[in-house]
Amino acid sequence: METPYVQSLVSTATEQYNTYKDNVETDTELTAQIKVYWTNLGLPFPGVGTAWSAVFVSWCVKHAGATSAEFEFSDAHSVFVFRAIHNRNAGNGVFRGYNFNEIAPELGDILQNNRNGNQYNYAYAGTHDSYFSHSAIIVDKGVDATGPYVTTIGGNESNSIRTKRISLDANEMIAQRVDSPFICLIKDLK
């Protein structure tokens, strides 16, 4: 069952997508909203030339009702993933990081993947808090003609807010991919 927080997070990400999906980051409307993402987190706005995908995820998580005691709001995905993995290992916290293929994804979870040709894995993510990666919020789960899937919404994807279809395997776990392989799934227990 989805908690009120999960419903709020999915709604927040979906609303941002529906509002800005036709804009690119240099369009006035989206540029102004990206500035809101940064400044609402207490971070200076460096302009849209700086990657803002982690800021988008952090803003959505905060806007939905999470606190800084619960989630490490950051402009780097590796920072909040590192904390979530440590939460999981310590058995505390409402955001816990798991290897992407060890637990089934649900709405409100955050899926992290490599970028820039990197091949980092879960073990690396658990011991490093500074490396390039990407993550997005899971907002839908279903089955279509090609099989089970989840849909994510992420920021700074093709310079906008976009959705992606992520295939699941027969056990409804995230199916690994060759390009930009997955690293971590942050479970949302709030």
Protein backbone atom coordinates (compact mmCIF):
# COMPACT_ATOMS: atom_id res chain seq x y z
CA MET A 1 0.00 0.00 0.00
CA GLU A 2 1.28 3.42 -0.91
CA THR A 3 1.79 5.78 1.99
CA PRO A 4 0.63 9.42 1.83
CA TYR A 5 4.30 10.39 1.44
CA VAL A 6 4.81 8.06 -1.55
CA GLN A 7 1.63 9.40 -3.12
CA SER A 8 2.92 12.95 -2.62
CA LEU A 9 6.34 12.12 -4.10
CA VAL A 10 4.85 10.44 -7.17
CA SER A 11 2.39 13.33 -7.56
CA THR A 12 5.16 15.94 -7.20
CA ALA A 13 7.41 14.32 -9.83
CA THR A 14 4.47 13.74 -12.17
CA GLU A 15 3.28 17.33 -11.82
CA GLN A 16 6.76 18.63 -12.64
CA TYR A 17 6.89 16.35 -15.69
CA ASN A 18 3.43 17.35 -16.91
CA THR A 19 4.21 21.04 -16.44
CA TYR A 20 7.66 21.13 -18.06
CA LYS A 21 7.95 18.10 -20.41
CA ASP A 22 7.62 20.34 -23.47
CA ASN A 23 10.38 22.69 -22.30
CA VAL A 24 14.15 22.42 -22.39
CA GLU A 25 16.32 23.85 -19.66
CA THR A 26 17.06 27.07 -21.57
CA ASP A 27 13.35 27.91 -21.95
CA THR A 28 12.42 30.71 -19.55
CA GLU A 29 9.76 28.69 -17.71
CA LEU A 30 11.95 25.69 -17.00
CA THR A 31 15.04 27.80 -16.23
CA ALA A 32 13.02 29.62 -13.55
CA GLN A 33 11.83 26.30 -12.07
CA ILE A 34 15.35 24.82 -12.06
CA LYS A 35 16.43 27.89 -10.07
CA VAL A 36 13.64 27.08 -7.58
CA TYR A 37 14.99 23.51 -7.24
CA TRP A 38 18.43 24.81 -6.27
CA THR A 39 17.44 27.69 -4.03
CA ASN A 40 14.72 25.76 -2.17
CA LEU A 41 17.45 23.33 -1.09
CA GLY A 42 19.59 26.24 0.12
CA LEU A 43 22.04 25.86 -2.76
CA PRO A 44 23.21 28.72 -4.97
CA PHE A 45 21.85 28.52 -8.53
CA PRO A 46 24.84 28.06 -10.87
CA GLY A 47 22.78 28.25 -14.08
CA VAL A 48 21.40 25.52 -16.29
CA GLY A 49 24.85 24.65 -17.62
CA THR A 50 25.45 22.73 -14.38
CA ALA A 51 23.90 19.27 -14.03
CA TRP A 52 20.64 19.56 -12.08
CA SER A 53 19.30 16.01 -12.04
CA ALA A 54 20.21 15.31 -8.38
CA VAL A 55 18.77 18.69 -7.40
CA PHE A 56 15.52 17.72 -9.15
CA VAL A 57 15.29 14.42 -7.22
CA SER A 58 16.24 16.12 -3.94
CA TRP A 59 13.67 18.89 -4.47
CA CYS A 60 10.89 16.40 -5.25
CA VAL A 61 11.76 14.36 -2.14
CA LYS A 62 11.78 17.51 0.02
CA HIS A 63 8.65 19.00 -1.57
CA ALA A 64 6.81 15.74 -0.89
CA GLY A 65 7.59 16.07 2.82
CA ALA A 66 10.94 14.44 3.63
CA THR A 67 13.31 16.24 6.00
CA SER A 68 17.07 16.68 5.88
CA ALA A 69 17.27 14.28 8.83
CA GLU A 70 15.70 11.63 6.57
CA PHE A 71 17.30 12.35 3.17
CA GLU A 72 20.65 13.86 2.22
CA PHE A 73 19.50 16.63 -0.16
CA SER A 74 22.35 17.22 -2.60
CA ASP A 75 23.42 18.31 -6.05
CA ALA A 76 25.16 14.92 -6.45
CA HIS A 77 23.30 11.59 -6.64
CA SER A 78 26.26 9.78 -5.07
CA VAL A 79 25.81 11.74 -1.83
CA PHE A 80 22.24 10.67 -1.11
CA VAL A 81 22.89 7.14 -2.38
CA PHE A 82 25.88 6.80 -0.02
CA ARG A 83 23.73 7.85 2.94
CA ALA A 84 20.86 5.53 1.91
CA ILE A 85 23.25 2.55 1.73
CA HIS A 86 24.57 3.41 5.18
CA ASN A 87 20.99 3.67 6.47
CA ARG A 88 20.30 0.19 5.12
CA ASN A 89 23.47 -1.24 6.65
CA ALA A 90 22.65 0.34 10.02
CA GLY A 91 19.01 -0.76 9.84
CA ASN A 92 17.65 2.75 10.28
CA GLY A 93 16.24 5.61 8.25
CA VAL A 94 13.32 5.79 5.87
CA PHE A 95 15.43 5.86 2.70
CA ARG A 96 17.56 2.72 2.38
CA GLY A 97 19.88 1.79 -0.48
CA TYR A 98 19.87 -1.73 -1.93
CA ASN A 99 21.66 -3.34 -4.82
CA PHE A 100 19.37 -2.60 -7.76
CA ASN A 101 18.69 -6.31 -8.38
CA GLU A 102 18.10 -7.62 -4.85
CA ILE A 103 14.69 -6.13 -4.08
CA ALA A 104 11.66 -5.35 -6.22
CA PRO A 105 11.08 -1.70 -7.10
CA GLU A 106 7.96 0.11 -5.94
CA LEU A 107 6.45 3.53 -6.52
CA GLY A 108 8.41 6.27 -4.81
CA ASP A 109 11.73 4.40 -4.94
CA ILE A 110 14.74 6.10 -6.50
CA LEU A 111 16.73 4.20 -9.13
CA GLN A 112 20.40 5.13 -9.62
CA ASN A 113 22.48 4.36 -12.69
CA ASN A 114 25.94 5.05 -14.10
CA ARG A 115 26.61 7.83 -16.58
CA ASN A 116 29.54 9.05 -18.68
CA GLY A 117 30.55 5.46 -19.47
CA ASN A 118 31.25 4.61 -15.82
CA GLN A 119 30.81 1.06 -14.51
CA TYR A 120 30.43 1.65 -10.76
CA ASN A 121 28.61 -0.97 -8.73
CA TYR A 122 26.77 -1.15 -5.42
CA ALA A 123 29.91 -1.98 -3.42
CA TYR A 124 31.61 1.11 -4.83
CA ALA A 125 28.57 3.29 -4.08
CA GLY A 126 28.62 2.12 -0.47
CA THR A 127 32.19 3.32 0.04
CA HIS A 128 32.27 6.48 -2.11
CA ASP A 129 30.17 9.62 -1.99
CA SER A 130 31.65 11.46 -4.97
CA TYR A 131 31.32 10.06 -8.49
CA PHE A 132 29.18 10.82 -11.54
CA SER A 133 25.85 9.03 -11.71
CA HIS A 134 22.16 9.69 -12.30
CA SER A 135 18.91 8.78 -10.58
CA ALA A 136 15.19 9.14 -11.12
CA ILE A 137 11.97 8.56 -9.20
CA ILE A 138 9.78 5.52 -9.92
CA VAL A 139 6.25 6.76 -10.62
CA ASP A 140 4.51 3.81 -12.29
CA LYS A 141 4.72 0.03 -12.48
CA GLY A 142 2.98 -2.23 -14.96
CA VAL A 143 3.08 -4.83 -17.70
CA ASP A 144 2.80 -4.26 -21.42
CA ALA A 145 3.36 -6.32 -24.58
CA THR A 146 7.11 -6.48 -23.90
CA GLY A 147 6.80 -7.46 -20.25
CA PRO A 148 6.91 -5.93 -16.76
CA TYR A 149 8.36 -2.45 -16.32
CA VAL A 150 8.60 0.63 -14.14
CA THR A 151 8.45 4.22 -15.34
CA THR A 152 10.79 6.82 -13.89
CA ILE A 153 10.74 10.59 -13.97
CA GLY A 154 14.08 12.36 -13.86
CA GLY A 155 15.45 15.84 -14.28
CA ASN A 156 18.15 16.94 -16.69
CA GLU A 157 17.34 14.08 -19.05
CA SER A 158 17.86 15.39 -22.58
CA ASN A 159 17.95 18.86 -20.98
CA SER A 160 14.43 18.55 -19.59
CA ILE A 161 12.20 16.50 -17.30
CA ARG A 162 11.56 13.14 -18.94
CA THR A 163 10.10 9.71 -18.35
CA LYS A 164 11.86 6.42 -19.02
CA ARG A 165 10.57 2.90 -19.25
CA ILE A 166 12.80 0.49 -17.32
CA SER A 167 12.38 -3.23 -18.00
CA LEU A 168 11.93 -5.70 -15.18
CA ASP A 169 12.92 -9.35 -15.34
CA ALA A 170 10.57 -12.32 -14.83
CA ASN A 171 10.91 -11.89 -11.05
CA GLU A 172 9.93 -8.20 -11.36
CA MET A 173 13.42 -7.03 -10.46
CA ILE A 174 15.25 -4.28 -12.36
CA ALA A 175 16.82 -5.84 -15.45
CA GLN A 176 20.43 -4.75 -15.87
CA ARG A 177 21.37 -2.95 -19.07
CA VAL A 178 24.64 -2.50 -20.94
CA ASP A 179 24.51 1.28 -21.40
CA SER A 180 24.47 3.26 -18.14
CA PRO A 181 24.19 0.15 -15.93
CA PHE A 182 22.18 0.37 -12.74
CA ILE A 183 23.83 0.68 -9.33
CA CYS A 184 21.36 1.18 -6.48
CA LEU A 185 17.66 1.23 -5.67
CA ILE A 186 16.75 3.54 -2.79
CA LYS A 187 13.69 2.10 -1.09
CA ASP A 188 11.24 4.66 0.19
CA LEU A 189 9.94 3.49 3.57
CA LYS A 190 8.43 6.84 4.60
